[in-house]
Amino acid sequence: MNKPLWLLLALLMVAGVRLHGLAAAALPDYDSVRNWQIVQEVAVGDLRNLYHHGSPGFSLLYAPVAWFTTDFHVFQYLNALVGVVAVGWLTLFISREARLAGYEAGLLVLFIGVSTFLTFSGRDFTMGSWGLVVFTGLLQAYYERLRQATPRSLLRAAVWVTIGLCINYKFLLTLPILAVFELLQQDGLLLRPRNLLRVLAILATPYVVLAAVSLAVGLPWYRWLAVYYNIVRPGAPNAAGRQGMAHLDALYYLKFLRDFESPLVLLGLVAVPLLWRRALFQKLKQPNLVRYLAIWVYCFLVGMSLLLKAPRGLLLIYGLLYALTFLSLRQVLDRRWWALSLVVLVAVGFNLGHIQREIYAYTPSHYPEVAAWLRKHGSPPVISTVGQGLVPYVVPGSVAVITDEHTLPALRRQGYRYVLLDDYWRVTNVLNFDSLRQLPVVAAWPEPLLTAPLLFLEHSEYTSLGYDETLALQRAARRDSLQLRLISIN
């Protein structure tokens, strides 16, 4: 069987894993719902929220879809399939550079594709999936720049960085690592005045263009740049009390890899410097694939250990972690096809078990039942505590989200008669609803996702809590059998 066929079959399997049960799932977090809303706004020419999270390219990419449908599931499916494309493209790059056989490429697709976190994040509606696609483009382009020190290769890499910054502001994290590569290369290509000016011009182009667009629609020209400033220097603590971005915790990601990803990945992370010491530490000016991937991985781990944590902090390198582990297994097993296949397939089965326990087990959603109850009672407007999970199921504009119960009297005067005590407040650790929790409940439903460890950990960055503290919150939430309580405030 030729390589393209191996890849296609493996990618179809990964797509099945990513899409399984998605039709019964809600949008998993606040940002997914907010992105879905903003895409619809942009589709009708309303650009007020285009720079949400500093990622205007994401909304512009999906706006044409909103011309045909507003069904959030369509956006979820598309985003999930984009994540599968990212897995396939990364595998093609690794396969070409490492000269993998067809069956090896298929195994690598499965190994990367059933990463627990990549599967979880591939089922939301955030910038992650497209970020992975663009990062793969950057990986290939910059590797070519290291092998061929030409202005064209440098500019091609700059284009990918620019696209990445448009899609996801966290592409800023790639810039220090690219600086490390440039220091190791020491060929002076970037510092030549003509090349440096052209690179800066490429990077600045979308900011200049969208600054002009902002002025044309009555927005400040600096709106996009202001998002960066607000991220680095937030004006006030968020609703969970977090302020600032620095948080040293060297073990957070190691614990996450231990508990949620394949054990082989953590083992590979330790073994790579020993197993590949010659490739890593000799002839530094001659690029090779293992050193290239390792620099990305270890630099990301070190850098992210200094910032607020969430599993998505390593989003761009989960695939590289699995790829390095695969190449190491291939080396240790001396390319014996049966041994490599056996080990990888056992590891894939192990991760599928993780996916069942940590993702599939937390569906289906019960927000549709809440919406059905509201429709039966005349579709009244409703207040929700922090979470937006109900929003896609009800009449647009009928849900008001609050982060403090003291805002209830004003909303009651505006005609709101029901509050959905949504346990998303537990996920975000926004502890401002003590009195509301004592009121009688009109109706209640479980919502399994609001007790999922992965969802809690994804909000560590918002809460600024450590790994163990976050999972302690999750265990407390799991002891409650009902996560959606409808309360009358008549």
Protein backbone atom coordinates (compact mmCIF):
# COMPACT_ATOMS: atom_id res chain seq x y z
CA MET A 1 0.00 0.00 0.00
CA ASN A 2 1.48 3.39 -0.96
CA LYS A 3 2.04 6.23 1.49
CA PRO A 4 -0.91 8.47 0.45
CA LEU A 5 -3.32 5.60 1.05
CA TRP A 6 -1.86 4.86 4.49
CA LEU A 7 -2.19 8.53 5.36
CA LEU A 8 -5.76 8.77 4.08
CA LEU A 9 -6.94 5.72 6.01
CA ALA A 10 -5.29 6.91 9.22
CA LEU A 11 -6.70 10.44 8.83
CA LEU A 12 -10.21 9.04 8.34
CA MET A 13 -9.82 7.16 11.61
CA VAL A 14 -8.63 10.31 13.39
CA ALA A 15 -11.55 12.26 11.93
CA GLY A 16 -13.90 9.62 13.32
CA VAL A 17 -12.37 10.02 16.77
CA ARG A 18 -12.62 13.82 16.63
CA LEU A 19 -16.23 13.87 15.39
CA HIS A 20 -17.66 11.05 17.50
CA GLY A 21 -20.48 12.31 19.71
CA LEU A 22 -19.93 15.92 18.68
CA ALA A 23 -23.52 16.33 17.49
CA ALA A 24 -24.69 15.89 21.09
CA ALA A 25 -22.07 18.20 22.59
CA ALA A 26 -22.43 21.88 23.42
CA LEU A 27 -19.79 24.48 22.72
CA PRO A 28 -17.50 23.69 25.65
CA ASP A 29 -16.46 27.09 26.95
CA TYR A 30 -17.18 30.80 27.05
CA ASP A 31 -14.65 31.63 24.33
CA SER A 32 -16.13 29.13 21.87
CA VAL A 33 -19.57 30.70 22.20
CA ARG A 34 -18.15 34.20 22.03
CA ASN A 35 -16.20 33.35 18.86
CA TRP A 36 -19.35 31.92 17.29
CA GLN A 37 -21.18 35.17 18.06
CA ILE A 38 -18.38 37.37 16.74
CA VAL A 39 -18.14 35.44 13.47
CA GLN A 40 -21.83 36.17 12.90
CA GLU A 41 -21.28 39.85 13.67
CA VAL A 42 -18.36 40.08 11.25
CA ALA A 43 -20.42 38.32 8.57
CA VAL A 44 -22.88 41.23 8.56
CA GLY A 45 -20.16 43.90 8.66
CA ASP A 46 -20.14 44.58 12.41
CA LEU A 47 -16.41 44.73 13.29
CA ARG A 48 -16.63 46.03 16.85
CA ASN A 49 -15.35 42.72 18.26
CA LEU A 50 -13.10 41.71 15.38
CA TYR A 51 -9.99 41.94 17.56
CA HIS A 52 -11.30 39.71 20.32
CA HIS A 53 -8.29 37.83 21.70
CA GLY A 54 -6.12 39.61 19.14
CA SER A 55 -7.14 37.10 16.47
CA PRO A 56 -9.00 38.92 13.68
CA GLY A 57 -7.96 36.38 11.05
CA PHE A 58 -9.97 33.65 12.76
CA SER A 59 -13.24 35.58 12.54
CA LEU A 60 -12.54 36.65 8.96
CA LEU A 61 -11.90 33.04 7.95
CA TYR A 62 -15.23 31.80 9.27
CA ALA A 63 -17.40 34.82 8.43
CA PRO A 64 -18.30 33.46 4.95
CA VAL A 65 -19.66 30.30 6.60
CA ALA A 66 -22.06 32.47 8.62
CA TRP A 67 -23.56 33.77 5.35
CA PHE A 68 -25.03 30.28 4.85
CA THR A 69 -25.68 28.99 8.37
CA THR A 70 -25.54 30.01 12.01
CA ASP A 71 -25.74 26.43 13.30
CA PHE A 72 -22.89 26.22 15.79
CA HIS A 73 -22.42 22.52 15.07
CA VAL A 74 -21.33 23.34 11.53
CA PHE A 75 -18.57 25.56 12.91
CA GLN A 76 -17.58 22.85 15.38
CA TYR A 77 -17.37 20.20 12.65
CA LEU A 78 -15.34 22.44 10.38
CA ASN A 79 -12.93 23.35 13.16
CA ALA A 80 -12.54 19.69 14.10
CA LEU A 81 -11.72 18.76 10.51
CA VAL A 82 -9.20 21.61 10.28
CA GLY A 83 -7.46 20.01 13.26
CA VAL A 84 -7.33 16.70 11.37
CA VAL A 85 -5.78 18.49 8.38
CA ALA A 86 -3.12 19.87 10.74
CA VAL A 87 -2.27 16.33 11.89
CA GLY A 88 -1.98 15.15 8.29
CA TRP A 89 0.19 18.05 7.18
CA LEU A 90 2.53 17.73 10.15
CA THR A 91 2.88 14.02 9.43
CA LEU A 92 3.70 14.72 5.79
CA PHE A 93 6.49 17.06 6.89
CA ILE A 94 7.93 14.58 9.42
CA SER A 95 7.49 11.71 6.98
CA ARG A 96 9.36 13.50 4.22
CA GLU A 97 12.26 14.66 6.39
CA ALA A 98 12.63 11.38 8.31
CA ARG A 99 11.97 9.26 5.21
CA LEU A 100 9.22 7.24 6.83
CA ALA A 101 7.69 4.27 5.07
CA GLY A 102 3.99 4.35 4.25
CA TYR A 103 2.91 2.26 7.23
CA GLU A 104 5.11 4.41 9.51
CA ALA A 105 3.40 7.56 8.29
CA GLY A 106 0.01 5.98 8.99
CA LEU A 107 1.11 5.00 12.50
CA LEU A 108 2.39 8.52 13.14
CA VAL A 109 -0.96 10.03 12.09
CA LEU A 110 -2.76 7.78 14.56
CA PHE A 111 -0.21 8.42 17.32
CA ILE A 112 -0.48 12.21 17.02
CA GLY A 113 -4.16 12.25 16.12
CA VAL A 114 -5.37 10.52 19.30
CA SER A 115 -3.52 12.85 21.64
CA THR A 116 -6.02 13.42 24.44
CA PHE A 117 -5.63 17.17 24.48
CA LEU A 118 -5.54 17.61 20.71
CA THR A 119 -8.79 15.65 20.57
CA PHE A 120 -10.36 17.76 23.33
CA SER A 121 -9.27 21.09 21.84
CA GLY A 122 -10.24 19.91 18.35
CA ARG A 123 -13.89 19.82 19.43
CA ASP A 124 -14.24 23.48 20.43
CA PHE A 125 -14.58 26.63 18.36
CA THR A 126 -11.40 28.50 19.15
CA MET A 127 -8.24 29.42 17.26
CA GLY A 128 -6.38 26.22 18.12
CA SER A 129 -7.06 24.12 15.03
CA TRP A 130 -6.16 26.85 12.54
CA GLY A 131 -3.19 27.76 14.72
CA LEU A 132 -1.88 24.20 14.29
CA VAL A 133 -2.26 24.38 10.52
CA VAL A 134 -0.35 27.66 10.32
CA PHE A 135 2.29 26.45 12.76
CA THR A 136 2.93 23.45 10.53
CA GLY A 137 3.40 25.83 7.61
CA LEU A 138 5.89 27.81 9.70
CA LEU A 139 7.72 24.62 10.77
CA GLN A 140 8.30 23.62 7.17
CA ALA A 141 9.15 27.10 5.93
CA TYR A 142 11.61 27.85 8.71
CA TYR A 143 13.29 24.45 8.43
CA GLU A 144 13.87 25.26 4.78
CA ARG A 145 15.29 28.65 5.80
CA LEU A 146 17.80 26.86 8.08
CA ARG A 147 18.84 24.52 5.28
CA GLN A 148 18.98 27.19 2.60
CA ALA A 149 20.08 30.62 3.77
CA THR A 150 18.30 32.56 1.04
CA PRO A 151 16.19 35.72 1.30
CA ARG A 152 13.26 33.87 -0.27
CA SER A 153 13.24 31.16 2.42
CA LEU A 154 13.47 33.80 5.16
CA LEU A 155 10.59 35.82 3.74
CA ARG A 156 8.44 32.73 3.31
CA ALA A 157 8.90 31.95 7.01
CA ALA A 158 8.02 35.57 7.86
CA VAL A 159 4.77 35.21 5.91
CA TRP A 160 3.79 32.19 8.00
CA VAL A 161 4.58 34.03 11.23
CA THR A 162 2.41 36.92 10.06
CA ILE A 163 -0.50 34.62 9.21
CA GLY A 164 -0.11 32.99 12.60
CA LEU A 165 -0.29 36.33 14.41
CA CYS A 166 -3.51 37.09 12.54
CA ILE A 167 -5.05 33.75 13.54
CA ASN A 168 -3.91 33.56 17.17
CA TYR A 169 -2.07 36.17 19.23
CA LYS A 170 -0.23 33.34 21.03
CA PHE A 171 1.92 33.02 17.93
CA LEU A 172 3.91 35.76 19.66
CA LEU A 173 5.40 32.90 21.68
CA THR A 174 7.12 31.60 18.55
CA LEU A 175 9.20 34.77 18.16
CA PRO A 176 11.67 34.12 21.05
CA ILE A 177 12.19 30.56 19.81
CA LEU A 178 12.85 31.75 16.27
CA ALA A 179 15.39 34.15 17.81
CA VAL A 180 17.10 31.13 19.42
CA PHE A 181 17.35 29.46 16.03
CA GLU A 182 18.78 32.61 14.49
CA LEU A 183 21.41 32.81 17.22
CA LEU A 184 22.38 29.19 16.67
CA GLN A 185 22.51 29.63 12.91
CA GLN A 186 24.74 32.73 13.05
CA ASP A 187 24.60 33.33 9.30
CA GLY A 188 23.54 36.97 9.53
CA LEU A 189 20.78 36.51 6.96
CA LEU A 190 18.07 38.19 9.03
CA LEU A 191 20.28 41.11 10.10
CA ARG A 192 21.12 42.23 6.59
CA PRO A 193 19.34 45.60 6.35
CA ARG A 194 17.39 44.77 3.20
CA ASN A 195 16.18 41.42 4.57
CA LEU A 196 15.33 42.85 7.99
CA LEU A 197 13.27 45.67 6.46
CA ARG A 198 11.38 43.24 4.22
CA VAL A 199 10.63 40.92 7.16
CA LEU A 200 9.38 43.85 9.27
CA ALA A 201 7.25 45.05 6.35
CA ILE A 202 5.64 41.62 6.02
CA LEU A 203 4.94 41.45 9.76
CA ALA A 204 3.48 44.98 9.80
CA THR A 205 1.24 44.62 6.72
CA PRO A 206 -1.90 43.14 8.37
CA TYR A 207 -1.66 45.61 11.25
CA VAL A 208 -1.49 48.54 8.83
CA VAL A 209 -4.31 47.21 6.65
CA LEU A 210 -6.62 46.48 9.58
CA ALA A 211 -5.74 49.81 11.23
CA ALA A 212 -7.06 51.48 8.07
CA VAL A 213 -10.16 49.25 8.12
CA SER A 214 -10.72 50.15 11.78
CA LEU A 215 -10.59 53.86 11.02
CA ALA A 216 -12.99 53.38 8.12
CA VAL A 217 -15.61 51.77 10.38
CA GLY A 218 -15.16 54.20 13.27
CA LEU A 219 -12.86 52.15 15.50
CA PRO A 220 -9.53 53.32 16.93
CA TRP A 221 -6.67 52.44 14.58
CA TYR A 222 -4.73 50.85 17.47
CA ARG A 223 -7.49 48.47 18.60
CA TRP A 224 -5.54 45.32 17.64
CA LEU A 225 -2.33 46.48 19.34
CA ALA A 226 -4.35 47.52 22.40
CA VAL A 227 -5.33 43.87 22.89
CA TYR A 228 -1.65 42.97 23.26
CA TYR A 229 -1.14 45.76 25.76
CA ASN A 230 -4.16 44.64 27.78
CA ILE A 231 -2.89 41.06 27.86
CA VAL A 232 0.53 42.10 29.16
CA ARG A 233 -0.76 44.82 31.52
CA PRO A 234 -4.39 44.10 32.44
CA GLY A 235 -6.08 47.12 33.94
CA ALA A 236 -7.87 45.20 36.70
CA PRO A 237 -8.17 41.66 38.07
CA ASN A 238 -10.60 39.39 36.24
CA ALA A 239 -13.74 38.01 37.88
CA ALA A 240 -11.70 35.18 39.45
CA GLY A 241 -9.22 37.66 40.93
CA ARG A 242 -6.36 36.94 38.54
CA GLN A 243 -4.03 39.77 37.58
CA GLY A 244 -0.81 39.50 35.56
CA MET A 245 0.56 36.73 33.36
CA ALA A 246 3.63 35.40 35.20
CA HIS A 247 3.35 32.23 37.28
CA LEU A 248 6.34 29.96 37.81
CA ASP A 249 5.26 26.31 38.02
CA ALA A 250 7.79 23.94 36.49
CA LEU A 251 5.76 20.78 37.14
CA TYR A 252 2.33 21.77 35.79
CA TYR A 253 2.85 20.51 32.25
CA LEU A 254 4.81 17.45 33.32
CA LYS A 255 1.90 16.45 35.58
CA PHE A 256 -0.54 17.03 32.75
CA LEU A 257 1.45 14.88 30.33
CA ARG A 258 1.70 12.18 33.01
CA ASP A 259 -2.04 12.12 33.72
CA PHE A 260 -3.63 12.75 30.33
CA GLU A 261 -1.27 11.86 27.48
CA SER A 262 0.51 8.67 26.48
CA PRO A 263 3.14 7.59 29.04
CA LEU A 264 5.51 7.16 26.12
CA VAL A 265 5.50 10.94 25.54
CA LEU A 266 6.78 11.77 29.03
CA LEU A 267 9.33 8.97 28.72
CA GLY A 268 10.40 10.32 25.34
CA LEU A 269 10.76 13.83 26.75
CA VAL A 270 13.33 12.48 29.21
CA ALA A 271 15.00 10.08 26.78
CA VAL A 272 15.48 12.34 23.75
CA PRO A 273 18.59 14.19 25.06
CA LEU A 274 20.24 10.84 25.80
CA LEU A 275 19.14 8.90 22.76
CA TRP A 276 19.87 11.68 20.26
CA ARG A 277 22.85 13.40 21.92
CA ARG A 278 24.96 13.40 18.77
CA ALA A 279 22.17 14.81 16.61
CA LEU A 280 21.40 17.40 19.27
CA PHE A 281 24.81 18.64 20.30
CA GLN A 282 27.15 18.22 17.34
CA LYS A 283 27.46 20.29 14.17
CA LEU A 284 25.02 22.90 15.42
CA LYS A 285 25.10 24.91 12.20
CA GLN A 286 23.92 21.92 10.19
CA PRO A 287 20.18 21.53 10.81
CA ASN A 288 18.64 18.13 11.40
CA LEU A 289 15.04 17.20 12.10
CA VAL A 290 15.45 15.85 15.63
CA ARG A 291 17.34 18.91 16.89
CA TYR A 292 14.87 21.19 15.15
CA LEU A 293 11.84 19.57 16.78
CA ALA A 294 13.59 19.31 20.15
CA ILE A 295 14.44 23.01 20.28
CA TRP A 296 10.81 23.90 19.65
CA VAL A 297 9.62 21.47 22.32
CA TYR A 298 12.07 22.26 25.12
CA CYS A 299 12.00 26.02 24.54
CA PHE A 300 8.21 26.01 24.64
CA LEU A 301 8.21 23.98 27.86
CA VAL A 302 10.66 26.32 29.55
CA GLY A 303 8.92 29.47 28.33
CA MET A 304 5.43 28.34 29.27
CA SER A 305 6.61 27.32 32.74
CA LEU A 306 7.10 31.02 33.45
CA LEU A 307 3.57 32.05 32.44
CA LEU A 308 0.05 31.28 33.63
CA LYS A 309 -0.77 27.68 32.86
CA ALA A 310 -3.41 25.79 30.91
CA PRO A 311 -3.03 22.69 28.74
CA ARG A 312 -3.50 24.83 25.62
CA GLY A 313 -0.22 26.56 26.49
CA LEU A 314 1.51 23.62 24.80
CA LEU A 315 -1.00 23.35 21.97
CA LEU A 316 1.53 23.99 19.21
CA ILE A 317 3.94 21.30 20.40
CA TYR A 318 1.76 18.32 21.35
CA GLY A 319 2.20 17.00 17.83
CA LEU A 320 5.97 17.56 18.04
CA LEU A 321 6.11 15.71 21.37
CA TYR A 322 4.41 12.73 19.78
CA ALA A 323 6.59 12.97 16.66
CA LEU A 324 9.82 13.01 18.70
CA THR A 325 8.57 10.04 20.71
CA PHE A 326 7.73 8.17 17.51
CA LEU A 327 11.15 8.83 15.99
CA SER A 328 12.78 7.69 19.23
CA LEU A 329 10.76 4.46 19.26
CA ARG A 330 11.71 3.88 15.65
CA GLN A 331 15.37 4.32 16.58
CA VAL A 332 15.27 2.06 19.65
CA LEU A 333 13.32 -0.68 17.90
CA ASP A 334 15.75 -0.55 14.99
CA ARG A 335 12.92 0.02 12.50
CA ARG A 336 11.45 -3.45 13.03
CA TRP A 337 8.01 -2.97 11.49
CA TRP A 338 6.19 -5.45 13.71
CA ALA A 339 7.67 -4.11 16.97
CA LEU A 340 7.04 -0.46 16.06
CA SER A 341 3.49 -1.24 14.94
CA LEU A 342 2.75 -3.19 18.11
CA VAL A 343 4.07 -0.53 20.49
CA VAL A 344 2.39 2.38 18.69
CA LEU A 345 -0.96 0.62 18.32
CA VAL A 346 -0.96 -0.30 22.02
CA ALA A 347 -0.20 3.37 22.81
CA VAL A 348 -3.03 4.47 20.49
CA GLY A 349 -5.40 2.10 22.28
CA PHE A 350 -4.29 3.53 25.63
CA ASN A 351 -5.05 7.06 24.45
CA LEU A 352 -8.42 6.02 23.07
CA GLY A 353 -9.22 4.84 26.60
CA HIS A 354 -8.22 8.30 27.86
CA ILE A 355 -10.46 9.92 25.24
CA GLN A 356 -13.41 7.77 26.31
CA ARG A 357 -12.92 8.63 29.99
CA GLU A 358 -11.99 12.30 29.66
CA ILE A 359 -14.03 13.47 26.65
CA TYR A 360 -16.79 11.14 25.45
CA ALA A 361 -17.95 10.37 29.00
CA TYR A 362 -18.91 14.05 29.47
CA THR A 363 -21.49 14.11 26.66
CA PRO A 364 -24.31 14.55 25.78
CA SER A 365 -25.12 18.11 26.80
CA HIS A 366 -28.33 18.98 28.64
CA TYR A 367 -28.46 22.63 27.60
CA PRO A 368 -31.02 21.68 24.90
CA GLU A 369 -33.33 20.47 27.69
CA VAL A 370 -33.01 23.82 29.46
CA ALA A 371 -33.88 25.57 26.20
CA ALA A 372 -36.86 23.25 25.67
CA TRP A 373 -38.18 24.11 29.18
CA LEU A 374 -37.84 27.83 28.45
CA ARG A 375 -39.66 27.48 25.10
CA LYS A 376 -42.46 25.61 26.83
CA HIS A 377 -42.81 28.55 29.23
CA GLY A 378 -42.85 31.29 26.62
CA SER A 379 -39.11 31.70 25.94
CA PRO A 380 -38.49 34.27 28.69
CA PRO A 381 -35.12 36.03 28.84
CA VAL A 382 -32.78 34.38 31.32
CA ILE A 383 -29.69 35.32 33.32
CA SER A 384 -26.73 32.93 33.34
CA THR A 385 -23.92 32.78 35.90
CA VAL A 386 -20.66 33.23 33.96
CA GLY A 387 -21.34 30.49 31.40
CA GLN A 388 -22.68 30.95 27.86
CA GLY A 389 -23.44 27.31 27.14
CA LEU A 390 -27.17 27.99 26.82
CA VAL A 391 -26.77 30.82 24.31
CA PRO A 392 -26.67 28.80 21.04
CA TYR A 393 -29.92 27.00 21.91
CA VAL A 394 -32.20 29.97 22.63
CA VAL A 395 -33.42 33.14 20.96
CA PRO A 396 -30.45 35.44 20.20
CA GLY A 397 -30.03 38.15 22.81
CA SER A 398 -32.21 36.42 25.42
CA VAL A 399 -29.35 35.44 27.77
CA ALA A 400 -27.61 37.95 30.03
CA VAL A 401 -24.33 36.68 31.51
CA ILE A 402 -23.33 37.92 34.96
CA THR A 403 -20.24 37.45 37.14
CA ASP A 404 -21.75 38.82 40.36
CA GLU A 405 -25.18 38.31 41.90
CA HIS A 406 -25.31 41.98 42.92
CA THR A 407 -26.26 42.84 39.34
CA LEU A 408 -29.51 40.86 39.63
CA PRO A 409 -31.79 43.68 40.88
CA ALA A 410 -31.01 45.87 37.87
CA LEU A 411 -31.65 42.97 35.47
CA ARG A 412 -34.89 42.11 37.27
CA ARG A 413 -36.09 45.66 36.65
CA GLN A 414 -35.38 45.08 32.96
CA GLY A 415 -37.79 42.13 32.91
CA TYR A 416 -35.61 39.11 33.69
CA ARG A 417 -37.46 36.59 35.84
CA TYR A 418 -35.22 33.51 35.70
CA VAL A 419 -31.60 32.81 36.56
CA LEU A 420 -29.78 29.75 35.28
CA LEU A 421 -27.30 28.94 38.03
CA ASP A 422 -24.78 27.51 35.60
CA ASP A 423 -21.91 25.68 37.31
CA TYR A 424 -19.50 27.29 34.90
CA TRP A 425 -18.97 29.58 37.89
CA ARG A 426 -17.22 26.63 39.54
CA VAL A 427 -15.03 26.03 36.49
CA THR A 428 -13.93 29.67 36.46
CA ASN A 429 -13.78 29.90 40.28
CA VAL A 430 -15.96 33.03 40.29
CA LEU A 431 -17.31 32.85 43.83
CA ASN A 432 -19.94 35.58 43.75
CA PHE A 433 -23.21 33.63 43.96
CA ASP A 434 -23.60 32.53 47.59
CA SER A 435 -27.05 34.04 48.12
CA LEU A 436 -28.34 32.88 44.75
CA ARG A 437 -27.39 29.30 45.59
CA GLN A 438 -29.78 29.36 48.57
CA LEU A 439 -32.90 30.16 46.50
CA PRO A 440 -35.52 27.52 45.55
CA VAL A 441 -34.99 25.75 42.23
CA VAL A 442 -37.71 25.61 39.56
CA ALA A 443 -36.01 22.92 37.47
CA ALA A 444 -32.55 21.33 37.34
CA TRP A 445 -30.45 19.25 34.97
CA PRO A 446 -27.01 17.61 34.99
CA GLU A 447 -24.34 18.93 32.61
CA PRO A 448 -21.46 16.44 32.65
CA LEU A 449 -19.00 18.66 30.81
CA LEU A 450 -19.02 21.11 33.73
CA THR A 451 -17.34 18.44 35.84
CA ALA A 452 -14.67 17.44 33.29
CA PRO A 453 -11.04 17.64 34.50
CA LEU A 454 -9.85 18.90 31.12
CA LEU A 455 -12.33 21.78 31.17
CA PHE A 456 -11.22 22.81 34.66
CA LEU A 457 -7.54 22.61 33.70
CA GLU A 458 -8.18 24.69 30.59
CA HIS A 459 -9.35 27.46 32.93
CA SER A 460 -6.22 27.39 35.12
CA GLU A 461 -4.96 30.37 33.14
CA TYR A 462 -8.14 32.27 34.03
CA THR A 463 -8.15 31.31 37.70
CA SER A 464 -4.33 31.43 38.16
CA LEU A 465 -4.59 28.22 40.22
CA GLY A 466 -2.00 25.45 40.07
CA TYR A 467 -2.50 21.96 38.72
CA ASP A 468 -3.45 20.26 41.99
CA GLU A 469 -5.60 23.19 43.15
CA THR A 470 -7.54 23.10 39.89
CA LEU A 471 -8.22 19.37 40.10
CA ALA A 472 -9.34 19.82 43.72
CA LEU A 473 -11.99 22.25 42.41
CA GLN A 474 -12.99 19.70 39.81
CA ARG A 475 -13.40 16.93 42.37
CA ALA A 476 -15.60 19.19 44.49
CA ALA A 477 -17.76 20.00 41.43
CA ARG A 478 -18.10 16.33 40.54
CA ARG A 479 -19.71 15.60 43.92
CA ASP A 480 -22.74 17.65 42.83
CA SER A 481 -25.17 15.68 40.68
CA LEU A 482 -26.79 18.75 39.06
CA GLN A 483 -24.93 21.56 37.31
CA LEU A 484 -27.78 23.58 35.77
CA ARG A 485 -30.36 25.00 38.17
CA LEU A 486 -33.13 27.29 37.00
CA ILE A 487 -34.22 29.77 39.67
CA SER A 488 -37.15 32.17 39.64
CA ILE A 489 -36.44 35.71 40.87
CA ASN A 490 -40.03 36.96 40.65
